[in-house]
């Protein structure tokens, strides 16, 4: 299993709209092959900052399966216009 981490900075004043869109987008990602679970956490210190954590069975389930899918296009349309700047996504695996 791998963990995808993305630090999301949302345009000022767009938090509520982003959270609403993310609820809809959650149904998309959770239906994908290799998806295990996800969570979205809101930063306490910075109002427009979120941490997205997604667990996948394999790296390819995310990078090829999800990102190469029609569902990803819908995900992009729902969420990508909220980001400023566009987030860096990193992948991790558990060692202990």
N, C-alpha and C. Protein backbone atom coordinates (compact mmCIF):
# COMPACT_ATOMS: atom_id res chain seq x y z
N UNK A 1 0.85 -1.18 0.00
CA UNK A 1 0.00 0.00 0.00
C UNK A 1 0.90 1.24 0.00
N UNK A 2 0.48 2.27 -0.72
CA UNK A 2 1.21 3.53 -0.73
C UNK A 2 0.28 4.64 -0.27
N UNK A 3 0.89 5.72 0.19
CA UNK A 3 0.13 6.87 0.65
C UNK A 3 0.48 8.07 -0.21
N UNK A 4 -0.54 8.67 -0.77
CA UNK A 4 -0.40 9.90 -1.56
C UNK A 4 -0.65 11.07 -0.62
N UNK A 5 0.24 12.07 -0.66
CA UNK A 5 0.11 13.25 0.18
C UNK A 5 0.12 14.48 -0.72
N UNK A 6 -0.85 15.37 -0.52
CA UNK A 6 -0.88 16.63 -1.25
C UNK A 6 -1.26 17.74 -0.28
N UNK A 7 -0.45 18.78 -0.25
CA UNK A 7 -0.75 19.97 0.53
C UNK A 7 -1.48 20.93 -0.40
N UNK A 8 -2.74 21.23 -0.10
CA UNK A 8 -3.58 22.02 -0.98
C UNK A 8 -3.76 23.42 -0.42
N UNK A 9 -3.38 24.42 -1.19
CA UNK A 9 -3.65 25.80 -0.83
C UNK A 9 -4.76 26.28 -1.75
N UNK A 10 -5.83 26.75 -1.12
CA UNK A 10 -7.05 27.15 -1.83
C UNK A 10 -7.08 28.67 -1.95
N UNK A 11 -7.58 29.15 -3.06
CA UNK A 11 -7.71 30.60 -3.26
C UNK A 11 -8.52 31.20 -2.13
N UNK A 12 -8.13 32.38 -1.70
CA UNK A 12 -8.81 33.07 -0.61
C UNK A 12 -10.31 33.19 -0.87
N UNK A 13 -11.08 32.89 0.16
CA UNK A 13 -12.53 33.01 0.08
C UNK A 13 -13.23 31.86 -0.60
N UNK A 14 -12.48 30.83 -1.00
CA UNK A 14 -13.07 29.71 -1.74
C UNK A 14 -13.19 28.43 -0.90
N UNK A 15 -12.92 28.52 0.39
CA UNK A 15 -12.92 27.32 1.24
C UNK A 15 -14.25 26.57 1.19
N UNK A 16 -15.34 27.25 1.40
CA UNK A 16 -16.65 26.59 1.45
C UNK A 16 -16.98 25.93 0.11
N UNK A 17 -16.72 26.62 -0.98
CA UNK A 17 -16.99 26.07 -2.31
C UNK A 17 -16.09 24.86 -2.58
N UNK A 18 -14.83 24.95 -2.17
CA UNK A 18 -13.91 23.83 -2.33
C UNK A 18 -14.40 22.61 -1.55
N UNK A 19 -14.76 22.81 -0.29
CA UNK A 19 -15.22 21.69 0.54
C UNK A 19 -16.47 21.04 -0.06
N UNK A 20 -17.36 21.84 -0.59
CA UNK A 20 -18.57 21.30 -1.23
C UNK A 20 -18.18 20.47 -2.46
N UNK A 21 -17.30 21.01 -3.30
CA UNK A 21 -16.86 20.29 -4.50
C UNK A 21 -16.11 19.02 -4.13
N UNK A 22 -15.32 19.08 -3.04
CA UNK A 22 -14.55 17.91 -2.64
C UNK A 22 -15.46 16.77 -2.21
N UNK A 23 -16.56 17.08 -1.57
CA UNK A 23 -17.50 16.02 -1.18
C UNK A 23 -17.99 15.27 -2.42
N UNK A 24 -18.28 16.00 -3.47
CA UNK A 24 -18.70 15.36 -4.73
C UNK A 24 -17.54 14.58 -5.34
N UNK A 25 -16.35 15.17 -5.33
CA UNK A 25 -15.18 14.51 -5.91
C UNK A 25 -14.80 13.25 -5.13
N UNK A 26 -15.12 13.20 -3.86
CA UNK A 26 -14.81 12.03 -3.04
C UNK A 26 -15.46 10.77 -3.57
N UNK A 27 -16.64 10.89 -4.13
CA UNK A 27 -17.32 9.72 -4.69
C UNK A 27 -16.59 9.21 -5.93
N UNK A 28 -15.92 10.11 -6.63
CA UNK A 28 -15.17 9.72 -7.82
C UNK A 28 -13.95 8.90 -7.43
N UNK A 29 -13.12 9.45 -6.56
CA UNK A 29 -11.87 8.78 -6.21
C UNK A 29 -12.14 7.46 -5.48
N UNK A 30 -13.15 7.44 -4.65
CA UNK A 30 -13.41 6.22 -3.87
C UNK A 30 -13.94 5.07 -4.72
N UNK A 31 -14.31 5.35 -5.96
CA UNK A 31 -14.81 4.29 -6.85
C UNK A 31 -13.70 3.69 -7.72
N UNK A 32 -12.47 4.20 -7.59
CA UNK A 32 -11.39 3.79 -8.49
C UNK A 32 -10.73 2.49 -8.05
N UNK A 33 -10.25 1.72 -9.03
CA UNK A 33 -9.52 0.48 -8.76
C UNK A 33 -8.27 0.82 -7.93
N UNK A 34 -8.04 0.06 -6.89
CA UNK A 34 -6.87 0.23 -6.06
C UNK A 34 -7.02 1.25 -4.95
N UNK A 35 -8.13 1.97 -4.93
CA UNK A 35 -8.38 2.95 -3.86
C UNK A 35 -8.60 2.20 -2.55
N UNK A 36 -8.00 2.70 -1.47
CA UNK A 36 -8.19 2.11 -0.14
C UNK A 36 -8.99 3.05 0.74
N UNK A 37 -8.51 4.29 0.91
CA UNK A 37 -9.21 5.26 1.74
C UNK A 37 -8.61 6.64 1.50
N UNK A 38 -9.33 7.66 1.96
CA UNK A 38 -8.78 9.01 1.88
C UNK A 38 -9.35 9.86 3.01
N UNK A 39 -8.64 10.96 3.26
CA UNK A 39 -9.14 11.94 4.22
C UNK A 39 -8.64 13.32 3.80
N UNK A 40 -9.43 14.30 4.11
CA UNK A 40 -9.07 15.69 3.86
C UNK A 40 -9.08 16.39 5.21
N UNK A 41 -7.94 17.00 5.55
CA UNK A 41 -7.82 17.69 6.82
C UNK A 41 -7.61 19.18 6.57
N UNK A 42 -8.25 20.00 7.38
CA UNK A 42 -8.12 21.46 7.26
C UNK A 42 -7.12 21.96 8.29
N UNK A 43 -6.23 22.83 7.85
CA UNK A 43 -5.20 23.40 8.72
C UNK A 43 -5.82 24.34 9.76
N UNK A 44 -5.33 24.28 10.95
CA UNK A 44 -5.80 25.16 12.02
C UNK A 44 -5.18 26.55 11.88
N UNK A 45 -3.89 26.60 11.54
CA UNK A 45 -3.18 27.87 11.50
C UNK A 45 -3.47 28.70 10.25
N UNK A 46 -3.72 28.06 9.13
CA UNK A 46 -3.99 28.77 7.87
C UNK A 46 -5.34 28.33 7.33
N UNK A 47 -6.26 29.26 7.24
CA UNK A 47 -7.64 28.94 6.87
C UNK A 47 -7.77 28.28 5.50
N UNK A 48 -6.94 28.66 4.56
CA UNK A 48 -7.11 28.15 3.20
C UNK A 48 -6.15 27.00 2.85
N UNK A 49 -5.67 26.28 3.85
CA UNK A 49 -4.73 25.17 3.62
C UNK A 49 -5.36 23.85 4.08
N UNK A 50 -5.18 22.82 3.24
CA UNK A 50 -5.71 21.48 3.51
C UNK A 50 -4.63 20.45 3.25
N UNK A 51 -4.77 19.31 3.89
CA UNK A 51 -3.90 18.17 3.66
C UNK A 51 -4.78 17.04 3.13
N UNK A 52 -4.44 16.55 1.93
CA UNK A 52 -5.14 15.42 1.35
C UNK A 52 -4.26 14.19 1.49
N UNK A 53 -4.83 13.14 2.07
CA UNK A 53 -4.14 11.87 2.25
C UNK A 53 -4.99 10.80 1.57
N UNK A 54 -4.39 10.10 0.61
CA UNK A 54 -5.10 9.04 -0.10
C UNK A 54 -4.24 7.79 -0.05
N UNK A 55 -4.84 6.67 0.28
CA UNK A 55 -4.12 5.40 0.28
C UNK A 55 -4.57 4.57 -0.91
N UNK A 56 -3.58 4.04 -1.61
CA UNK A 56 -3.78 3.22 -2.80
C UNK A 56 -3.11 1.87 -2.60
N UNK A 57 -3.61 0.86 -3.27
CA UNK A 57 -2.96 -0.45 -3.21
C UNK A 57 -1.57 -0.41 -3.84
N UNK A 58 -1.44 0.28 -4.99
CA UNK A 58 -0.15 0.40 -5.67
C UNK A 58 0.02 1.83 -6.18
N UNK A 59 1.26 2.21 -6.44
CA UNK A 59 1.54 3.51 -7.01
C UNK A 59 0.85 3.66 -8.37
N UNK A 60 0.87 2.61 -9.16
CA UNK A 60 0.27 2.65 -10.50
C UNK A 60 -1.25 2.83 -10.45
N UNK A 61 -1.90 2.36 -9.39
CA UNK A 61 -3.34 2.59 -9.25
C UNK A 61 -3.63 4.08 -9.25
N UNK A 62 -2.73 4.87 -8.67
CA UNK A 62 -2.92 6.32 -8.66
C UNK A 62 -2.39 6.95 -9.94
N UNK A 63 -1.11 6.71 -10.24
CA UNK A 63 -0.46 7.46 -11.32
C UNK A 63 -0.93 7.07 -12.72
N UNK A 64 -1.26 5.82 -12.93
CA UNK A 64 -1.71 5.37 -14.25
C UNK A 64 -3.22 5.18 -14.27
N UNK A 65 -3.73 4.39 -13.32
CA UNK A 65 -5.15 4.08 -13.29
C UNK A 65 -6.03 5.29 -13.09
N UNK A 66 -5.85 6.01 -11.99
CA UNK A 66 -6.70 7.17 -11.71
C UNK A 66 -6.39 8.34 -12.62
N UNK A 67 -5.13 8.73 -12.68
CA UNK A 67 -4.77 9.91 -13.49
C UNK A 67 -5.00 9.72 -14.98
N UNK A 68 -5.04 8.49 -15.42
CA UNK A 68 -5.28 8.22 -16.84
C UNK A 68 -6.73 7.97 -17.18
N UNK A 69 -7.61 8.15 -16.22
CA UNK A 69 -9.02 7.78 -16.40
C UNK A 69 -9.91 8.96 -16.77
N UNK A 70 -11.08 8.64 -17.28
CA UNK A 70 -12.12 9.64 -17.54
C UNK A 70 -12.57 10.28 -16.23
N UNK A 71 -12.60 9.48 -15.17
CA UNK A 71 -13.01 9.99 -13.86
C UNK A 71 -12.08 11.09 -13.37
N UNK A 72 -10.79 10.98 -13.71
CA UNK A 72 -9.83 12.00 -13.30
C UNK A 72 -10.15 13.34 -13.96
N UNK A 73 -10.62 13.30 -15.19
CA UNK A 73 -11.00 14.55 -15.87
C UNK A 73 -12.12 15.26 -15.10
N UNK A 74 -13.07 14.49 -14.62
CA UNK A 74 -14.15 15.07 -13.82
C UNK A 74 -13.60 15.62 -12.50
N UNK A 75 -12.70 14.87 -11.85
CA UNK A 75 -12.03 15.31 -10.62
C UNK A 75 -11.34 16.65 -10.86
N UNK A 76 -10.58 16.74 -11.96
CA UNK A 76 -9.88 17.98 -12.31
C UNK A 76 -10.86 19.14 -12.48
N UNK A 77 -11.95 18.89 -13.20
CA UNK A 77 -12.94 19.94 -13.44
C UNK A 77 -13.57 20.43 -12.14
N UNK A 78 -13.76 19.53 -11.19
CA UNK A 78 -14.36 19.91 -9.91
C UNK A 78 -13.41 20.67 -9.00
N UNK A 79 -12.11 20.32 -9.03
CA UNK A 79 -11.21 20.79 -7.98
C UNK A 79 -10.04 21.67 -8.41
N UNK A 80 -9.48 21.45 -9.55
CA UNK A 80 -8.20 22.08 -9.87
C UNK A 80 -8.24 23.60 -9.94
N UNK A 81 -9.37 24.19 -10.24
CA UNK A 81 -9.45 25.65 -10.32
C UNK A 81 -9.40 26.33 -8.95
N UNK A 82 -9.49 25.56 -7.87
CA UNK A 82 -9.42 26.12 -6.52
C UNK A 82 -7.98 26.32 -6.04
N UNK A 83 -7.01 25.63 -6.63
CA UNK A 83 -5.65 25.60 -6.11
C UNK A 83 -4.84 26.83 -6.51
N UNK A 84 -4.10 27.38 -5.54
CA UNK A 84 -3.19 28.48 -5.82
C UNK A 84 -2.08 28.49 -4.78
N UNK A 85 -0.91 27.93 -5.12
CA UNK A 85 -0.49 27.36 -6.41
C UNK A 85 -0.96 25.91 -6.55
N UNK A 86 -0.69 25.33 -7.72
CA UNK A 86 -1.04 23.94 -7.92
C UNK A 86 -0.19 23.07 -7.00
N UNK A 87 -0.80 22.09 -6.33
CA UNK A 87 -0.07 21.32 -5.31
C UNK A 87 0.94 20.33 -5.90
N UNK A 88 1.96 20.08 -5.10
CA UNK A 88 2.89 18.99 -5.37
C UNK A 88 2.32 17.75 -4.70
N UNK A 89 2.32 16.65 -5.44
CA UNK A 89 1.81 15.38 -4.89
C UNK A 89 3.01 14.46 -4.71
N UNK A 90 3.09 13.86 -3.54
CA UNK A 90 4.17 12.92 -3.24
C UNK A 90 3.59 11.60 -2.78
N UNK A 91 4.36 10.55 -2.94
CA UNK A 91 3.94 9.20 -2.57
C UNK A 91 4.90 8.62 -1.54
N UNK A 92 4.35 7.92 -0.57
CA UNK A 92 5.14 7.34 0.51
C UNK A 92 4.75 5.89 0.74
N UNK A 93 5.67 5.13 1.29
CA UNK A 93 5.36 3.77 1.72
C UNK A 93 5.83 3.59 3.16
N UNK A 94 5.15 2.74 3.87
CA UNK A 94 5.42 2.51 5.29
C UNK A 94 6.64 1.61 5.44
N UNK A 95 7.55 1.99 6.32
CA UNK A 95 8.72 1.17 6.57
C UNK A 95 8.70 0.54 7.96
N UNK A 96 7.93 1.08 8.86
CA UNK A 96 7.82 0.50 10.21
C UNK A 96 6.35 0.38 10.58
